[in-house]
Protein backbone atom coordinates (compact mmCIF):
# COMPACT_ATOMS: atom_id res chain seq x y z
CA UNK A 1 -66.13 -30.54 57.11
CA UNK A 2 -63.34 -31.75 58.68
CA UNK A 3 -62.30 -34.52 56.30
CA UNK A 4 -58.82 -36.00 55.08
CA UNK A 5 -57.04 -36.78 51.99
CA UNK A 6 -55.11 -39.43 50.16
CA UNK A 7 -53.01 -39.73 47.03
CA UNK A 8 -54.10 -43.04 44.86
CA UNK A 9 -51.81 -45.00 42.75
CA UNK A 10 -53.15 -45.71 38.98
CA UNK A 11 -56.08 -48.00 38.75
CA UNK A 12 -56.99 -47.52 42.03
CA UNK A 13 -60.75 -45.69 42.77
CA UNK A 14 -62.22 -44.34 45.71
CA UNK A 15 -66.54 -44.41 45.89
CA UNK A 16 -69.09 -42.25 48.62
CA UNK A 17 -70.34 -44.78 51.35
CA UNK A 18 -71.63 -42.18 53.47
CA UNK A 19 -76.11 -42.62 53.94
CA UNK A 20 -76.00 -38.61 51.77
CA UNK A 21 -74.51 -40.17 49.34
CA UNK A 22 -76.31 -43.16 47.77
CA UNK A 23 -77.59 -42.41 44.30
CA UNK A 24 -73.65 -40.88 43.79
CA UNK A 25 -72.56 -44.36 45.05
CA UNK A 26 -74.58 -46.48 42.57
CA UNK A 27 -73.69 -44.33 40.25
CA UNK A 28 -70.05 -44.13 40.17
CA UNK A 29 -70.25 -48.35 40.53
CA UNK A 30 -72.13 -47.80 37.09
CA UNK A 31 -69.28 -45.37 36.01
CA UNK A 32 -66.85 -47.33 36.78
CA UNK A 33 -68.28 -50.96 35.18
CA UNK A 34 -68.89 -48.81 31.79
CA UNK A 35 -65.44 -47.77 31.92
CA UNK A 36 -63.60 -50.58 33.32
CA UNK A 37 -65.78 -52.93 30.57
CA UNK A 38 -67.60 -50.93 28.08
CA UNK A 39 -70.24 -51.82 26.22
CA UNK A 40 -68.20 -51.75 22.89
CA UNK A 41 -67.09 -55.77 24.33
CA UNK A 42 -69.08 -58.36 23.09
CA UNK A 43 -71.45 -59.29 24.89
CA UNK A 44 -70.93 -62.66 25.95
CA UNK A 45 -67.59 -62.16 27.13
CA UNK A 46 -68.10 -58.96 29.00
CA UNK A 47 -71.45 -59.86 30.56
CA UNK A 48 -69.90 -62.49 33.56
CA UNK A 49 -67.09 -60.44 34.08
CA UNK A 50 -69.70 -56.93 34.89
CA UNK A 51 -71.81 -59.37 36.87
CA UNK A 52 -68.50 -60.13 38.67
CA UNK A 53 -67.18 -56.30 39.05
CA UNK A 54 -70.63 -55.13 40.08
CA UNK A 55 -70.90 -57.62 42.80
CA UNK A 56 -67.31 -57.05 44.24
CA UNK A 57 -68.21 -53.23 44.05
CA UNK A 58 -71.58 -53.46 45.93
CA UNK A 59 -70.75 -55.83 48.66
CA UNK A 60 -67.50 -53.76 49.43
CA UNK A 61 -68.85 -50.29 49.61
CA UNK A 62 -72.56 -51.59 51.18
CA UNK A 63 -70.24 -53.08 54.01
CA UNK A 64 -68.31 -50.11 54.51
CA UNK A 65 -71.87 -47.99 54.71
CA UNK A 66 -72.67 -50.06 56.85
CA UNK A 67 -69.56 -49.34 58.95
CA UNK A 68 -70.28 -45.75 59.00
CA UNK A 69 -67.34 -45.40 56.60
CA UNK A 70 -66.92 -42.33 54.57
CA UNK A 71 -65.40 -44.12 51.61
CA UNK A 72 -63.38 -47.21 50.45
CA UNK A 73 -61.01 -47.32 48.57
CA UNK A 74 -59.83 -50.25 46.17
CA UNK A 75 -57.48 -51.40 43.56
CA UNK A 76 -59.48 -51.80 40.03
CA UNK A 77 -56.43 -52.48 38.13
CA UNK A 78 -54.39 -55.62 38.33
CA UNK A 79 -50.06 -55.53 38.99
CA UNK A 80 -48.06 -57.73 37.41
CA UNK A 81 -50.83 -59.91 36.28
CA UNK A 82 -51.88 -59.81 39.79
CA UNK A 83 -55.31 -58.97 41.02
CA UNK A 84 -54.28 -57.22 44.87
CA UNK A 85 -56.52 -58.89 47.19
CA UNK A 86 -57.53 -56.09 49.13
CA UNK A 87 -59.18 -52.86 50.22
CA UNK A 88 -59.32 -50.09 52.53
CA UNK A 89 -62.05 -48.26 54.25
CA UNK A 90 -62.17 -44.33 55.66
CA UNK A 91 -63.81 -43.32 58.50
CA UNK A 92 -63.41 -39.63 60.45
CA UNK A 93 -64.57 -40.12 64.26
CA UNK A 94 -65.61 -37.17 66.28
CA UNK A 95 -65.92 -37.33 69.58
CA UNK A 96 -66.54 -34.05 70.63
CA UNK A 97 -64.05 -34.15 73.27
CA UNK A 98 -62.15 -30.63 72.67
CA UNK A 99 -59.42 -31.04 75.87
CA UNK A 100 -58.95 -34.82 74.84
CA UNK A 101 -55.03 -35.94 75.22
CA UNK A 102 -54.57 -38.12 72.18
CA UNK A 103 -51.23 -39.52 73.23
CA UNK A 104 -52.74 -40.20 76.07
CA UNK A 105 -55.08 -42.07 74.10
CA UNK A 106 -52.79 -43.76 71.73
CA UNK A 107 -50.83 -45.49 74.44
CA UNK A 108 -53.84 -46.73 75.51
CA UNK A 109 -55.09 -48.45 72.73
CA UNK A 110 -50.70 -49.72 72.08
CA UNK A 111 -50.96 -50.96 75.84
CA UNK A 112 -54.20 -52.94 75.06
CA UNK A 113 -52.00 -54.03 71.11
CA UNK A 114 -49.67 -55.76 72.48
CA UNK A 115 -47.16 -56.94 70.47
CA UNK A 116 -49.40 -56.03 67.44
CA UNK A 117 -49.46 -52.19 67.60
CA UNK A 118 -46.91 -49.88 66.91
CA UNK A 119 -46.30 -45.91 67.36
CA UNK A 120 -45.95 -43.81 64.48
CA UNK A 121 -46.73 -40.42 62.68
CA UNK A 122 -48.76 -39.99 59.75
CA UNK A 123 -49.84 -36.95 57.80
CA UNK A 124 -46.92 -34.68 60.54
CA UNK A 125 -49.65 -36.51 63.42
CA UNK A 126 -49.33 -38.91 66.36
CA UNK A 127 -50.98 -42.36 65.04
CA UNK A 128 -50.97 -46.15 65.67
CA UNK A 129 -51.02 -49.10 63.70
CA UNK A 130 -52.55 -52.53 64.68
CA UNK A 131 -51.94 -55.18 62.94
CA UNK A 132 -53.80 -58.65 63.60
CA UNK A 133 -55.07 -61.94 61.39
CA UNK A 134 -58.46 -62.58 61.38
CA UNK A 135 -60.63 -65.61 60.10
CA UNK A 136 -61.40 -65.19 56.53
CA UNK A 137 -65.33 -67.05 56.79
CA UNK A 138 -67.06 -64.18 55.79
CA UNK A 139 -65.27 -63.65 52.50
CA UNK A 140 -66.12 -67.31 51.60
CA UNK A 141 -62.41 -68.75 52.41
CA UNK A 142 -60.42 -70.49 54.73
CA UNK A 143 -57.20 -69.38 54.71
CA UNK A 144 -57.10 -65.93 57.45
CA UNK A 145 -56.54 -62.80 56.10
CA UNK A 146 -54.47 -59.49 57.59
CA UNK A 147 -56.26 -56.50 58.92
CA UNK A 148 -54.32 -53.47 59.26
CA UNK A 149 -55.84 -50.42 61.25
CA UNK A 150 -54.61 -47.09 61.68
CA UNK A 151 -55.68 -44.82 64.11
CA UNK A 152 -54.57 -41.04 63.52
CA UNK A 153 -55.15 -37.66 65.13
CA UNK A 154 -55.69 -34.60 64.24
CA UNK A 155 -53.45 -32.32 65.63
CA UNK A 156 -55.83 -29.41 64.74
CA UNK A 157 -58.89 -30.67 66.08
CA UNK A 158 -58.70 -32.57 69.37
CA UNK A 159 -61.32 -34.88 69.45
CA UNK A 160 -61.01 -35.74 66.00
CA UNK A 161 -59.31 -39.34 64.53
CA UNK A 162 -58.94 -40.96 61.02
CA UNK A 163 -59.64 -44.74 61.47
CA UNK A 164 -58.33 -46.15 58.01
CA UNK A 165 -58.91 -49.99 58.20
CA UNK A 166 -57.51 -52.46 55.39
CA UNK A 167 -57.96 -56.37 54.34
CA UNK A 168 -55.52 -58.54 53.10
CA UNK A 169 -56.09 -61.75 51.91
CA UNK A 170 -53.96 -64.25 51.96
CA UNK A 171 -53.27 -68.06 50.52
CA UNK A 172 -52.69 -69.38 53.80
CA UNK A 173 -49.31 -67.88 53.93
CA UNK A 174 -49.34 -65.04 55.91
CA UNK A 175 -45.49 -63.87 55.20
CA UNK A 176 -46.13 -64.70 51.55
CA UNK A 177 -43.73 -62.18 49.40
CA UNK A 178 -46.67 -60.74 47.34
CA UNK A 179 -48.60 -60.81 50.77
CA UNK A 180 -46.26 -58.43 52.68
CA UNK A 181 -46.13 -56.54 48.50
CA UNK A 182 -49.54 -55.56 48.91
CA UNK A 183 -49.82 -54.39 52.46
CA UNK A 184 -46.68 -52.15 52.03
CA UNK A 185 -48.57 -50.76 49.24
CA UNK A 186 -51.80 -49.99 51.59
CA UNK A 187 -49.45 -48.75 54.49
CA UNK A 188 -47.96 -46.16 51.64
CA UNK A 189 -51.38 -45.26 50.56
CA UNK A 190 -51.72 -44.20 54.40
CA UNK A 191 -48.63 -42.36 54.42
CA UNK A 192 -50.04 -40.19 52.06
CA UNK A 193 -52.86 -39.12 54.65
CA UNK A 194 -53.22 -34.98 55.00
CA UNK A 195 -55.97 -33.49 56.75
CA UNK A 196 -57.94 -30.68 55.10
CA UNK A 197 -61.45 -28.80 56.47
CA UNK A 198 -63.78 -28.38 53.64
CA UNK A 199 -65.90 -25.71 53.01
CA UNK A 200 -69.03 -25.40 50.49
CA UNK A 201 -69.63 -28.67 50.00
CA UNK A 202 -71.36 -30.18 47.21
CA UNK A 203 -74.21 -31.80 47.86
CA UNK A 204 -75.22 -35.36 46.34
CA UNK A 205 -77.83 -33.53 43.55
CA UNK A 206 -74.86 -30.96 42.36
CA UNK A 207 -72.72 -33.89 42.03
CA UNK A 208 -75.23 -36.51 40.10
CA UNK A 209 -75.34 -33.44 37.66
CA UNK A 210 -71.91 -32.61 37.36
CA UNK A 211 -71.83 -36.35 36.38
CA UNK A 212 -74.47 -35.99 33.97
CA UNK A 213 -73.16 -32.59 32.01
CA UNK A 214 -70.24 -34.54 32.26
CA UNK A 215 -71.68 -37.93 30.84
CA UNK A 216 -73.55 -35.72 28.04
CA UNK A 217 -70.31 -34.04 26.61
CA UNK A 218 -68.64 -37.47 26.47
CA UNK A 219 -71.09 -38.97 23.91
CA UNK A 220 -71.30 -35.65 21.91
CA UNK A 221 -68.07 -35.84 20.94
CA UNK A 222 -68.14 -39.11 20.37
CA UNK A 223 -69.07 -40.54 16.42
CA UNK A 224 -72.44 -41.46 15.91
CA UNK A 225 -72.49 -41.26 20.25
CA UNK A 226 -71.02 -44.81 20.60
CA UNK A 227 -68.80 -44.88 23.86
CA UNK A 228 -65.89 -46.39 22.02
CA UNK A 229 -65.99 -45.77 18.38
CA UNK A 230 -63.34 -45.17 16.68
CA UNK A 231 -62.11 -41.21 15.94
């Protein structure tokens, strides 16, 4: 299976969103909540945060699944006391056109984009970056958001493209330094893209079985089987 890999900073998570990974997606969400807000925390204090985190993760991953994406990337850890207001959706598109001219298609995208588009290379492959301002009403906000999309060609497989789209919420000032810093971080993550051809990709059931085994080993190694009991 043709895919690509990205290098993520600490505190980020990549959650699968294909139709073949529905059960795995829910399991990953549950494990993330358990890790960041363990059962050892007081229920009255941790409960609201668990519900908020679950809502955020479910909404982001369900939306990515509806778009036919392979995964969604989210920052879960605060940076300098600030929760990064954005997410990155990852998609691989296979047009089936083996004689497709990537450079010509990118030139057409740039021509339509005008000043919002720019040509660059990502993972040693030709790519285009489009940055547009969009309405944030669907996110329940009045202030606009930045939406940045990358179209990245696969130099070894004509007709195969990576589409990476990230959205960054704002408080109204599109050029504010914190907003631009978050966008720069997303751009840096995209710049780490490397194409790969995965062989013998494990099935969802195989991954879930492995997670069950790891969870069992973790509980067995914890005193009295308590998730966060001190050693």
